[in-house]
C-alpha atoms as a PDB file:
ATOM      1  CA  MET A   1      19.899   7.851  -0.010  1.00  0.00           C
ATOM      2  CA  ILE A   2      21.862   4.610   0.795  1.00  0.00           C
ATOM      3  CA  ASP A   3      20.162   1.325   1.576  1.00  0.00           C
ATOM      4  CA  VAL A   4      21.729   0.816   5.180  1.00  0.00           C
ATOM      5  CA  ALA A   5      23.810   3.307   7.617  1.00  0.00           C
ATOM      6  CA  ILE A   6      25.672   1.155  10.287  1.00  0.00           C
ATOM      7  CA  VAL A   7      26.775   2.985  13.341  1.00  0.00           C
ATOM      8  CA  GLY A   8      29.839   1.326  14.757  1.00  0.00           C
ATOM      9  CA  GLY A   9      32.792  -0.270  13.447  1.00  0.00           C
ATOM     10  CA  GLY A  10      33.212  -3.160  15.754  1.00  0.00           C
ATOM     11  CA  PRO A  11      32.833  -6.965  15.154  1.00  0.00           C
ATOM     12  CA  ALA A  12      28.700  -6.218  15.164  1.00  0.00           C
ATOM     13  CA  GLY A  13      29.058  -3.466  12.718  1.00  0.00           C
ATOM     14  CA  LEU A  14      31.465  -4.605  10.269  1.00  0.00           C
ATOM     15  CA  THR A  15      30.198  -8.358  10.364  1.00  0.00           C
ATOM     16  CA  ALA A  16      26.430  -6.638   9.361  1.00  0.00           C
ATOM     17  CA  ALA A  17      28.344  -4.488   6.708  1.00  0.00           C
ATOM     18  CA  CYS A  18      29.837  -7.493   5.089  1.00  0.00           C
ATOM     19  CA  TYR A  19      26.788  -9.290   4.721  1.00  0.00           C
ATOM     20  CA  LEU A  20      24.836  -6.129   3.124  1.00  0.00           C
ATOM     21  CA  ARG A  21      27.563  -5.667   0.486  1.00  0.00           C
ATOM     22  CA  ARG A  22      27.443  -9.168  -0.228  1.00  0.00           C
ATOM     23  CA  PHE A  23      23.742  -9.015  -0.751  1.00  0.00           C
ATOM     24  CA  HIS A  24      24.649  -5.852  -3.331  1.00  0.00           C
ATOM     25  CA  ARG A  25      23.279  -3.374  -0.774  1.00  0.00           C
ATOM     26  CA  SER A  26      24.519   0.148  -0.404  1.00  0.00           C
ATOM     27  CA  CYS A  27      25.925   0.833   3.034  1.00  0.00           C
ATOM     28  CA  VAL A  28      28.347   2.862   5.223  1.00  0.00           C
ATOM     29  CA  VAL A  29      29.898   2.116   8.434  1.00  0.00           C
ATOM     30  CA  LEU A  30      30.001   5.229  10.818  1.00  0.00           C
ATOM     31  CA  ASP A  31      32.777   4.482  13.330  1.00  0.00           C
ATOM     32  CA  ALA A  32      34.137   6.561  16.027  1.00  0.00           C
ATOM     33  CA  GLY A  33      37.179   4.296  16.470  1.00  0.00           C
ATOM     34  CA  ASN A  34      36.405   3.516  20.029  1.00  0.00           C
ATOM     35  CA  SER A  35      35.437  -0.406  19.440  1.00  0.00           C
ATOM     36  CA  ARG A  36      35.566  -2.551  22.964  1.00  0.00           C
ATOM     37  CA  ALA A  37      37.199  -5.222  20.979  1.00  0.00           C
ATOM     38  CA  ARG A  38      40.508  -3.003  21.048  1.00  0.00           C
ATOM     39  CA  TRP A  39      41.202  -3.427  24.603  1.00  0.00           C
ATOM     40  CA  ILE A  40      41.294  -7.434  24.395  1.00  0.00           C
ATOM     41  CA  PRO A  41      44.693  -8.631  24.629  1.00  0.00           C
ATOM     42  CA  GLU A  42      44.017 -12.158  23.403  1.00  0.00           C
ATOM     43  CA  SER A  43      40.678 -13.753  22.991  1.00  0.00           C
ATOM     44  CA  ASN A  44      40.547 -17.756  23.287  1.00  0.00           C
ATOM     45  CA  ASN A  45      36.737 -18.286  22.795  1.00  0.00           C
ATOM     46  CA  CYS A  46      36.215 -16.350  19.511  1.00  0.00           C
ATOM     47  CA  PRO A  47      35.236 -19.080  17.117  1.00  0.00           C
ATOM     48  CA  GLY A  48      37.816 -19.990  14.519  1.00  0.00           C
ATOM     49  CA  PHE A  49      40.975 -18.771  16.319  1.00  0.00           C
ATOM     50  CA  PRO A  50      42.395 -22.000  18.277  1.00  0.00           C
ATOM     51  CA  GLY A  51      45.378 -20.223  19.185  1.00  0.00           C
ATOM     52  CA  GLY A  52      43.716 -16.830  20.366  1.00  0.00           C
ATOM     53  CA  VAL A  53      43.508 -13.523  18.810  1.00  0.00           C
ATOM     54  CA  SER A  54      43.840 -10.017  19.887  1.00  0.00           C
ATOM     55  CA  GLY A  55      41.407  -7.528  19.599  1.00  0.00           C
ATOM     56  CA  VAL A  56      43.188  -5.135  17.137  1.00  0.00           C
ATOM     57  CA  GLU A  57      43.892  -8.178  15.231  1.00  0.00           C
ATOM     58  CA  LEU A  58      40.351  -9.394  15.036  1.00  0.00           C
ATOM     59  CA  LEU A  59      39.438  -5.858  13.983  1.00  0.00           C
ATOM     60  CA  ARG A  60      41.999  -5.697  11.266  1.00  0.00           C
ATOM     61  CA  ARG A  61      41.019  -9.108   9.948  1.00  0.00           C
ATOM     62  CA  LEU A  62      37.221  -7.924   9.851  1.00  0.00           C
ATOM     63  CA  ARG A  63      38.321  -4.536   8.127  1.00  0.00           C
ATOM     64  CA  ASP A  64      40.239  -6.571   5.467  1.00  0.00           C
ATOM     65  CA  GLN A  65      37.135  -8.307   4.769  1.00  0.00           C
ATOM     66  CA  ALA A  66      34.946  -5.459   4.602  1.00  0.00           C
ATOM     67  CA  ASP A  67      37.565  -3.835   2.472  1.00  0.00           C
ATOM     68  CA  ALA A  68      37.016  -6.825   0.052  1.00  0.00           C
ATOM     69  CA  VAL A  69      33.529  -6.229  -0.724  1.00  0.00           C
ATOM     70  CA  SER A  70      34.253  -2.179  -0.863  1.00  0.00           C
ATOM     71  CA  VAL A  71      32.292  -1.473   2.414  1.00  0.00           C
ATOM     72  CA  PRO A  72      33.045   2.181   2.832  1.00  0.00           C
ATOM     73  CA  VAL A  73      33.912   3.220   6.579  1.00  0.00           C
ATOM     74  CA  GLU A  74      33.990   6.910   7.542  1.00  0.00           C
ATOM     75  CA  HIS A  75      35.234   8.021  10.916  1.00  0.00           C
ATOM     76  CA  ALA A  76      32.300   9.750  12.601  1.00  0.00           C
ATOM     77  CA  THR A  77      30.771  10.064  15.959  1.00  0.00           C
ATOM     78  CA  VAL A  78      26.942  10.067  15.255  1.00  0.00           C
ATOM     79  CA  ASP A  79      25.237  12.788  17.335  1.00  0.00           C
ATOM     80  CA  ASP A  80      21.419  12.327  16.099  1.00  0.00           C
ATOM     81  CA  ILE A  81      19.282   9.714  14.179  1.00  0.00           C
ATOM     82  CA  ALA A  82      16.004  10.730  13.137  1.00  0.00           C
ATOM     83  CA  ARG A  83      12.983   9.602  11.277  1.00  0.00           C
ATOM     84  CA  ARG A  84      12.774  11.549   7.740  1.00  0.00           C
ATOM     85  CA  GLY A  85      10.085  10.440   5.556  1.00  0.00           C
ATOM     86  CA  ASP A  86      10.476   6.849   4.209  1.00  0.00           C
ATOM     87  CA  GLY A  87      14.102   6.583   5.861  1.00  0.00           C
ATOM     88  CA  PHE A  88      16.404   8.066   8.677  1.00  0.00           C
ATOM     89  CA  GLU A  89      18.702  11.212   8.541  1.00  0.00           C
ATOM     90  CA  LEU A  90      22.050  10.447  10.555  1.00  0.00           C
ATOM     91  CA  ARG A  91      24.018  13.465  12.016  1.00  0.00           C
ATOM     92  CA  ALA A  92      28.084  13.769  12.874  1.00  0.00           C
ATOM     93  CA  GLY A  93      28.855  17.204  13.588  1.00  0.00           C
ATOM     94  CA  GLY A  94      28.165  19.160  10.459  1.00  0.00           C
ATOM     95  CA  ARG A  95      27.776  16.054   8.495  1.00  0.00           C
ATOM     96  CA  ARG A  96      24.559  14.339   7.424  1.00  0.00           C
ATOM     97  CA  TRP A  97      23.890  11.046   5.579  1.00  0.00           C
ATOM     98  CA  ARG A  98      20.623   9.816   4.531  1.00  0.00           C
ATOM     99  CA  ALA A  99      19.393   5.883   4.760  1.00  0.00           C
ATOM    100  CA  ARG A 100      16.476   3.569   4.294  1.00  0.00           C
ATOM    101  CA  ARG A 101      17.574   1.597   7.159  1.00  0.00           C
ATOM    102  CA  VAL A 102      19.961   2.161  10.337  1.00  0.00           C
ATOM    103  CA  ILE A 103      21.627  -0.592  12.254  1.00  0.00           C
ATOM    104  CA  LEU A 104      22.931   0.620  15.727  1.00  0.00           C
ATOM    105  CA  ALA A 105      26.270  -1.051  16.669  1.00  0.00           C
ATOM    106  CA  SER A 106      27.753   1.435  18.956  1.00  0.00           C
ATOM    107  CA  GLY A 107      28.681  -0.950  21.567  1.00  0.00           C
ATOM    108  CA  VAL A 108      29.275   0.169  25.120  1.00  0.00           C
ATOM    109  CA  ALA A 109      32.524   1.643  27.016  1.00  0.00           C
ATOM    110  CA  ASP A 110      33.660  -0.110  30.308  1.00  0.00           C
ATOM    111  CA  ARG A 111      34.228   2.409  33.246  1.00  0.00           C
ATOM    112  CA  LEU A 112      37.920   1.834  34.238  1.00  0.00           C
ATOM    113  CA  PRO A 113      39.901   2.842  37.177  1.00  0.00           C
ATOM    114  CA  ASP A 114      40.614   6.504  37.051  1.00  0.00           C
ATOM    115  CA  ALA A 115      44.454   5.647  36.911  1.00  0.00           C
ATOM    116  CA  PRO A 116      47.422   6.283  34.333  1.00  0.00           C
ATOM    117  CA  TRP A 117      48.179   2.614  34.217  1.00  0.00           C
ATOM    118  CA  VAL A 118      44.982   1.107  33.073  1.00  0.00           C
ATOM    119  CA  GLU A 119      45.855   0.500  29.524  1.00  0.00           C
ATOM    120  CA  GLU A 120      49.099  -1.080  30.519  1.00  0.00           C
ATOM    121  CA  ALA A 121      47.558  -3.171  33.189  1.00  0.00           C
ATOM    122  CA  VAL A 122      44.927  -4.387  30.575  1.00  0.00           C
ATOM    123  CA  GLY A 123      47.590  -5.094  28.267  1.00  0.00           C
ATOM    124  CA  CYS A 124      49.544  -7.352  30.127  1.00  0.00           C
ATOM    125  CA  GLY A 125      46.394  -9.218  31.894  1.00  0.00           C
ATOM    126  CA  ALA A 126      46.692  -7.794  35.326  1.00  0.00           C
ATOM    127  CA  LEU A 127      43.164  -6.029  34.779  1.00  0.00           C
ATOM    128  CA  ARG A 128      40.565  -7.882  33.020  1.00  0.00           C
ATOM    129  CA  LEU A 129      37.106  -6.570  32.183  1.00  0.00           C
ATOM    130  CA  CYS A 130      35.053  -9.864  31.084  1.00  0.00           C
ATOM    131  CA  ALA A 131      35.376 -13.110  32.805  1.00  0.00           C
ATOM    132  CA  VAL A 132      32.999 -15.064  30.408  1.00  0.00           C
ATOM    133  CA  CYS A 133      35.348 -14.281  27.974  1.00  0.00           C
ATOM    134  CA  ASP A 134      38.773 -15.169  29.605  1.00  0.00           C
ATOM    135  CA  ALA A 135      38.381 -16.847  33.329  1.00  0.00           C
ATOM    136  CA  TYR A 136      39.477 -19.945  31.937  1.00  0.00           C
ATOM    137  CA  GLU A 137      42.895 -18.508  31.661  1.00  0.00           C
ATOM    138  CA  ALA A 138      42.535 -16.992  35.092  1.00  0.00           C
ATOM    139  CA  SER A 139      42.144 -20.619  36.679  1.00  0.00           C
ATOM    140  CA  ASP A 140      43.687 -21.169  39.889  1.00  0.00           C
ATOM    141  CA  LEU A 141      45.072 -17.483  39.984  1.00  0.00           C
ATOM    142  CA  CYS A 142      44.541 -15.178  42.742  1.00  0.00           C
ATOM    143  CA  ILE A 143      41.898 -13.050  41.334  1.00  0.00           C
ATOM    144  CA  GLY A 144      40.482  -9.912  43.073  1.00  0.00           C
ATOM    145  CA  VAL A 145      37.103  -8.702  41.763  1.00  0.00           C
ATOM    146  CA  HIS A 146      36.714  -4.717  41.783  1.00  0.00           C
ATOM    147  CA  GLY A 147      33.505  -2.372  41.992  1.00  0.00           C
ATOM    148  CA  PRO A 148      30.575  -1.772  43.873  1.00  0.00           C
ATOM    149  CA  ALA A 149      29.919  -3.869  46.827  1.00  0.00           C
ATOM    150  CA  ASP A 150      26.288  -4.442  45.554  1.00  0.00           C
ATOM    151  CA  VAL A 151      27.307  -5.471  42.185  1.00  0.00           C
ATOM    152  CA  ILE A 152      30.527  -7.631  42.630  1.00  0.00           C
ATOM    153  CA  GLY A 153      29.373 -10.426  44.863  1.00  0.00           C
ATOM    154  CA  SER A 154      27.740 -12.481  41.809  1.00  0.00           C
ATOM    155  CA  HIS A 155      30.491 -11.800  39.867  1.00  0.00           C
ATOM    156  CA  ALA A 156      32.951 -13.131  43.022  1.00  0.00           C
ATOM    157  CA  LEU A 157      30.893 -16.186  42.992  1.00  0.00           C
ATOM    158  CA  PHE A 158      30.881 -17.068  39.341  1.00  0.00           C
ATOM    159  CA  LEU A 159      34.944 -16.654  39.621  1.00  0.00           C
ATOM    160  CA  ARG A 160      35.104 -18.958  42.630  1.00  0.00           C
ATOM    161  CA  GLY A 161      34.210 -21.806  40.293  1.00  0.00           C
ATOM    162  CA  TYR A 162      37.706 -20.933  38.553  1.00  0.00           C
ATOM    163  CA  SER A 163      40.207 -20.521  41.430  1.00  0.00           C
ATOM    164  CA  ALA A 164      40.118 -21.134  45.375  1.00  0.00           C
ATOM    165  CA  SER A 165      41.689 -17.404  45.632  1.00  0.00           C
ATOM    166  CA  VAL A 166      39.062 -14.977  45.062  1.00  0.00           C
ATOM    167  CA  HIS A 167      38.923 -11.709  46.698  1.00  0.00           C
ATOM    168  CA  ALA A 168      35.895  -8.947  46.630  1.00  0.00           C
ATOM    169  CA  ILE A 169      37.533  -5.417  46.488  1.00  0.00           C
ATOM    170  CA  PRO A 170      34.432  -3.449  47.003  1.00  0.00           C
ATOM    171  CA  THR A 171      34.646   0.415  46.200  1.00  0.00           C
ATOM    172  CA  ASP A 172      32.451   1.090  49.326  1.00  0.00           C
ATOM    173  CA  ASP A 173      31.611  -0.201  52.647  1.00  0.00           C
ATOM    174  CA  GLY A 174      28.489  -2.487  51.615  1.00  0.00           C
ATOM    175  CA  ASP A 175      28.485  -5.872  52.347  1.00  0.00           C
ATOM    176  CA  GLY A 176      27.162  -6.988  49.055  1.00  0.00           C
ATOM    177  CA  GLY A 177      23.553  -7.943  50.516  1.00  0.00           C
ATOM    178  CA  ALA A 178      22.490 -11.828  49.373  1.00  0.00           C
ATOM    179  CA  ASP A 179      25.007 -12.039  46.470  1.00  0.00           C
ATOM    180  CA  GLY A 180      27.576 -11.064  49.009  1.00  0.00           C
ATOM    181  CA  ALA A 181      26.879 -13.548  51.623  1.00  0.00           C
ATOM    182  CA  ALA A 182      26.541 -16.286  48.897  1.00  0.00           C
ATOM    183  CA  ALA A 183      29.910 -15.353  47.925  1.00  0.00           C
ATOM    184  CA  ARG A 184      31.477 -15.369  51.152  1.00  0.00           C
ATOM    185  CA  ALA A 185      29.797 -18.771  51.974  1.00  0.00           C
ATOM    186  CA  ALA A 186      31.543 -19.912  49.092  1.00  0.00           C
ATOM    187  CA  GLY A 187      35.015 -19.042  50.202  1.00  0.00           C
ATOM    188  CA  VAL A 188      35.270 -15.376  48.891  1.00  0.00           C
ATOM    189  CA  ALA A 189      37.369 -13.100  50.980  1.00  0.00           C
ATOM    190  CA  TRP A 190      35.680  -9.984  51.291  1.00  0.00           C
ATOM    191  CA  LEU A 191      38.302  -7.180  51.797  1.00  0.00           C
ATOM    192  CA  PRO A 192      37.316  -3.799  53.433  1.00  0.00           C
ATOM    193  CA  GLY A 193      36.246  -1.229  50.953  1.00  0.00           C
ATOM    194  CA  GLY A 194      37.627   2.551  50.132  1.00  0.00           C
ATOM    195  CA  GLY A 195      41.092   1.655  49.492  1.00  0.00           C
ATOM    196  CA  ARG A 196      43.085   2.207  46.265  1.00  0.00           C
ATOM    197  CA  LEU A 197      44.325  -0.267  43.632  1.00  0.00           C
ATOM    198  CA  GLU A 198      48.152   0.042  42.942  1.00  0.00           C
ATOM    199  CA  PHE A 199      49.956  -1.185  39.740  1.00  0.00           C
ATOM    200  CA  ASP A 200      53.741  -2.241  39.875  1.00  0.00           C
ATOM    201  CA  GLY A 201      53.916  -2.608  35.923  1.00  0.00           C
ATOM    202  CA  ARG A 202      53.294  -6.492  36.411  1.00  0.00           C
ATOM    203  CA  ARG A 203      50.442  -7.118  38.874  1.00  0.00           C
ATOM    204  CA  LEU A 204      47.902  -5.010  40.846  1.00  0.00           C
ATOM    205  CA  GLY A 205      47.423  -4.552  44.477  1.00  0.00           C
ATOM    206  CA  TYR A 206      45.014  -3.479  46.613  1.00  0.00           C
ATOM    207  CA  LEU A 207      45.492  -1.217  49.710  1.00  0.00           C
ATOM    208  CA  PRO A 208      42.597  -0.845  52.219  1.00  0.00           C
ATOM    209  CA  PRO A 209      42.216   1.987  54.627  1.00  0.00           C
ATOM    210  CA  GLY A 210      44.711   1.261  57.365  1.00  0.00           C
ATOM    211  CA  GLY A 211      45.430  -2.221  56.214  1.00  0.00           C
ATOM    212  CA  GLU A 212      48.163  -3.966  54.608  1.00  0.00           C
ATOM    213  CA  ALA A 213      48.136  -4.698  50.661  1.00  0.00           C
ATOM    214  CA  THR A 214      47.211  -7.658  48.867  1.00  0.00           C
ATOM    215  CA  SER A 215      48.817  -8.394  45.517  1.00  0.00           C
ATOM    216  CA  PHE A 216      46.569 -10.347  42.665  1.00  0.00           C
ATOM    217  CA  ASP A 217      47.542 -12.122  39.964  1.00  0.00           C
ATOM    218  CA  THR A 218      44.639 -10.333  37.923  1.00  0.00           C
ATOM    219  CA  VAL A 219      41.504  -8.210  38.982  1.00  0.00           C
ATOM    220  CA  TYR A 220      38.141  -8.332  37.133  1.00  0.00           C
ATOM    221  CA  ALA A 221      36.799  -4.431  37.244  1.00  0.00           C
ATOM    222  CA  TYR A 222      32.996  -3.930  37.151  1.00  0.00           C
ATOM    223  CA  LEU A 223      32.689  -0.500  37.463  1.00  0.00           C
ATOM    224  CA  GLY A 224      29.728  -0.221  35.009  1.00  0.00           C
ATOM    225  CA  MET A 225      29.374   0.871  31.217  1.00  0.00           C
ATOM    226  CA  ASP A 226      28.292   3.894  29.165  1.00  0.00           C
ATOM    227  CA  THR A 227      26.171   3.106  26.241  1.00  0.00           C
ATOM    228  CA  GLY A 228      25.032   5.133  23.136  1.00  0.00           C
ATOM    229  CA  ALA A 229      21.480   3.826  23.569  1.00  0.00           C
ATOM    230  CA  ARG A 230      20.140   7.388  24.032  1.00  0.00           C
ATOM    231  CA  LEU A 231      20.540   7.507  20.197  1.00  0.00           C
ATOM    232  CA  ALA A 232      17.859   5.090  19.629  1.00  0.00           C
ATOM    233  CA  ALA A 233      16.007   6.224  22.416  1.00  0.00           C
ATOM    234  CA  ALA A 234      15.726   9.628  21.151  1.00  0.00           C
ATOM    235  CA  ALA A 235      14.890   8.529  17.628  1.00  0.00           C
ATOM    236  CA  GLY A 236      11.827   6.467  18.923  1.00  0.00           C
ATOM    237  CA  ALA A 237      13.129   3.256  20.420  1.00  0.00           C
ATOM    238  CA  GLU A 238      12.246   1.678  23.636  1.00  0.00           C
ATOM    239  CA  LEU A 239      14.866   0.858  26.443  1.00  0.00           C
ATOM    240  CA  THR A 240      14.791  -1.754  29.220  1.00  0.00           C
ATOM    241  CA  GLY A 241      15.305  -0.413  32.809  1.00  0.00           C
ATOM    242  CA  ASP A 242      18.783  -1.326  32.524  1.00  0.00           C
ATOM    243  CA  GLY A 243      19.328   0.783  29.404  1.00  0.00           C
ATOM    244  CA  GLU A 244      19.433  -1.752  26.811  1.00  0.00           C
ATOM    245  CA  ILE A 245      17.616  -1.230  23.757  1.00  0.00           C
ATOM    246  CA  LEU A 246      14.663  -3.500  23.349  1.00  0.00           C
ATOM    247  CA  VAL A 247      14.616  -5.534  20.086  1.00  0.00           C
ATOM    248  CA  ASP A 248      12.512  -8.228  18.458  1.00  0.00           C
ATOM    249  CA  GLY A 249      13.784 -11.501  16.991  1.00  0.00           C
ATOM    250  CA  ASP A 250      15.051  -9.486  13.642  1.00  0.00           C
ATOM    251  CA  GLN A 251      16.984  -7.202  16.025  1.00  0.00           C
ATOM    252  CA  GLN A 252      14.524  -4.455  15.095  1.00  0.00           C
ATOM    253  CA  THR A 253      13.676  -1.935  17.635  1.00  0.00           C
ATOM    254  CA  ARG A 254       9.862  -0.791  18.002  1.00  0.00           C
ATOM    255  CA  LEU A 255      10.753   1.966  15.507  1.00  0.00           C
ATOM    256  CA  PRO A 256      10.519   0.100  11.885  1.00  0.00           C
ATOM    257  CA  GLY A 257      13.791   0.043  10.124  1.00  0.00           C
ATOM    258  CA  LEU A 258      15.903   0.757  13.075  1.00  0.00           C
ATOM    259  CA  TYR A 259      17.987  -1.905  14.405  1.00  0.00           C
ATOM    260  CA  ALA A 260      20.118  -2.643  17.164  1.00  0.00           C
ATOM    261  CA  ILE A 261      23.001  -5.327  17.865  1.00  0.00           C
ATOM    262  CA  GLY A 262      25.987  -6.202  19.778  1.00  0.00           C
ATOM    263  CA  ASP A 263      26.576  -5.493  23.440  1.00  0.00           C
ATOM    264  CA  ILE A 264      24.086  -2.331  23.148  1.00  0.00           C
ATOM    265  CA  VAL A 265      21.648  -4.776  23.238  1.00  0.00           C
ATOM    266  CA  SER A 266      22.472  -7.958  24.839  1.00  0.00           C
ATOM    267  CA  GLY A 267      23.314  -8.674  28.514  1.00  0.00           C
ATOM    268  CA  LEU A 268      25.782 -11.214  26.987  1.00  0.00           C
ATOM    269  CA  ASN A 269      28.461  -8.922  25.573  1.00  0.00           C
ATOM    270  CA  GLN A 270      30.508 -11.721  23.664  1.00  0.00           C
ATOM    271  CA  ILE A 271      31.632 -11.388  20.169  1.00  0.00           C
ATOM    272  CA  SER A 272      30.010 -14.487  18.810  1.00  0.00           C
ATOM    273  CA  VAL A 273      26.715 -13.071  20.035  1.00  0.00           C
ATOM    274  CA  ALA A 274      27.395  -9.663  18.411  1.00  0.00           C
ATOM    275  CA  VAL A 275      28.236 -11.172  15.136  1.00  0.00           C
ATOM    276  CA  GLY A 276      24.977 -13.582  15.421  1.00  0.00           C
ATOM    277  CA  HIS A 277      23.122 -10.167  16.028  1.00  0.00           C
ATOM    278  CA  ALA A 278      24.697  -8.810  12.763  1.00  0.00           C
ATOM    279  CA  ALA A 279      23.715 -11.755  10.613  1.00  0.00           C
ATOM    280  CA  ILE A 280      20.177 -11.651  11.843  1.00  0.00           C
ATOM    281  CA  ALA A 281      19.768  -7.759  11.418  1.00  0.00           C
ATOM    282  CA  ALA A 282      21.311  -7.413   7.942  1.00  0.00           C
ATOM    283  CA  VAL A 283      19.418 -10.411   6.359  1.00  0.00           C
ATOM    284  CA  HIS A 284      16.219  -9.157   7.603  1.00  0.00           C
ATOM    285  CA  ALA A 285      17.037  -5.323   6.591  1.00  0.00           C
ATOM    286  CA  HIS A 286      17.791  -6.787   3.182  1.00  0.00           C
ATOM    287  CA  ASN A 287      14.736  -8.744   2.930  1.00  0.00           C
ATOM    288  CA  ALA A 288      12.613  -5.648   3.945  1.00  0.00           C
ATOM    289  CA  LEU A 289      14.296  -3.154   1.297  1.00  0.00           C
ATOM    290  CA  PRO A 290      12.904  -3.153  -2.072  1.00  0.00           C
ATOM    291  CA  PHE A 291      13.781  -5.472  -4.450  1.00  0.00           C
ATOM    292  CA  VAL A 292      16.444  -4.629  -7.107  1.00  0.00           C
ATOM    293  CA  ALA A 293      16.992  -7.246 -10.355  1.00  0.00           C
ATOM    294  CA  ARG A 294      20.520  -7.466 -11.134  1.00  0.00           C
ATOM    295  CA  GLU A 295      21.633  -6.462 -14.398  1.00  0.00           C
ATOM    296  CA  ASP A 296      23.680  -8.251 -16.711  1.00  0.00           C
ATOM    297  CA  ALA A 297      27.341  -7.250 -16.100  1.00  0.00           C
ATOM    298  CA  ALA A 298      28.419  -8.058 -19.408  1.00  0.00           C
ATOM    299  CA  GLY A 299      25.636  -5.472 -20.659  1.00  0.00           C
END
């Protein structure tokens, strides 16, 4: 029986683990290796990195910090979390762990265009996933906003504050409703839906049915996300209508001892928000666990 099991080895999970080990609590990070942060070519709004930092580099630094306080990290995809007595049991395939508390930090996974060039396009900035993160770097560029018509209108309007050249690229024939109308009124070009994106190794282009291709400096994709919130729901946590986990001010779900942090909770998917959640949950979990007096190391 360990004190806290943390599901997810991204910025939120590793931060929580560092806090807990510095509280002299036993913990383990169960990481499937799919942190959303690994897709970030360069983040310029992550606190403490004025020159920017890649997601891979940020994760490396966080792992080094966790290693410094002996955080155990195990590669595992958790299949089930269940209440067992005064704690929880976590399962991943044939392996099991028992913990008094669980912090779920498994994040979300973006749905991306079904194309072999996706990773290359994200790596060079031709395809982007978060306007809150990096729209500043796209200022005054020719921007495409790709996704279902009823979703992309609000995102296109947001990006119109960064560039005079914003194009909505719907995956269907919808007009976007009120959000689409507001975007068009603000000068967003609404392209015919149902075409395809093409990548030339440097930029993305959009070819509508029977029309001419339009080339973009960058395209933001809003195709939805997949989440592991079902793990929390199966254990007894409550979800919102959008599939996010409901938590209180301590990041605790309605099931005492089960916490949720990061993108799996917040509608504002930001590293700074995730690490803030981690600090709150780790401190509360530590204070809720039985007190253990520190023995004299010299004895």
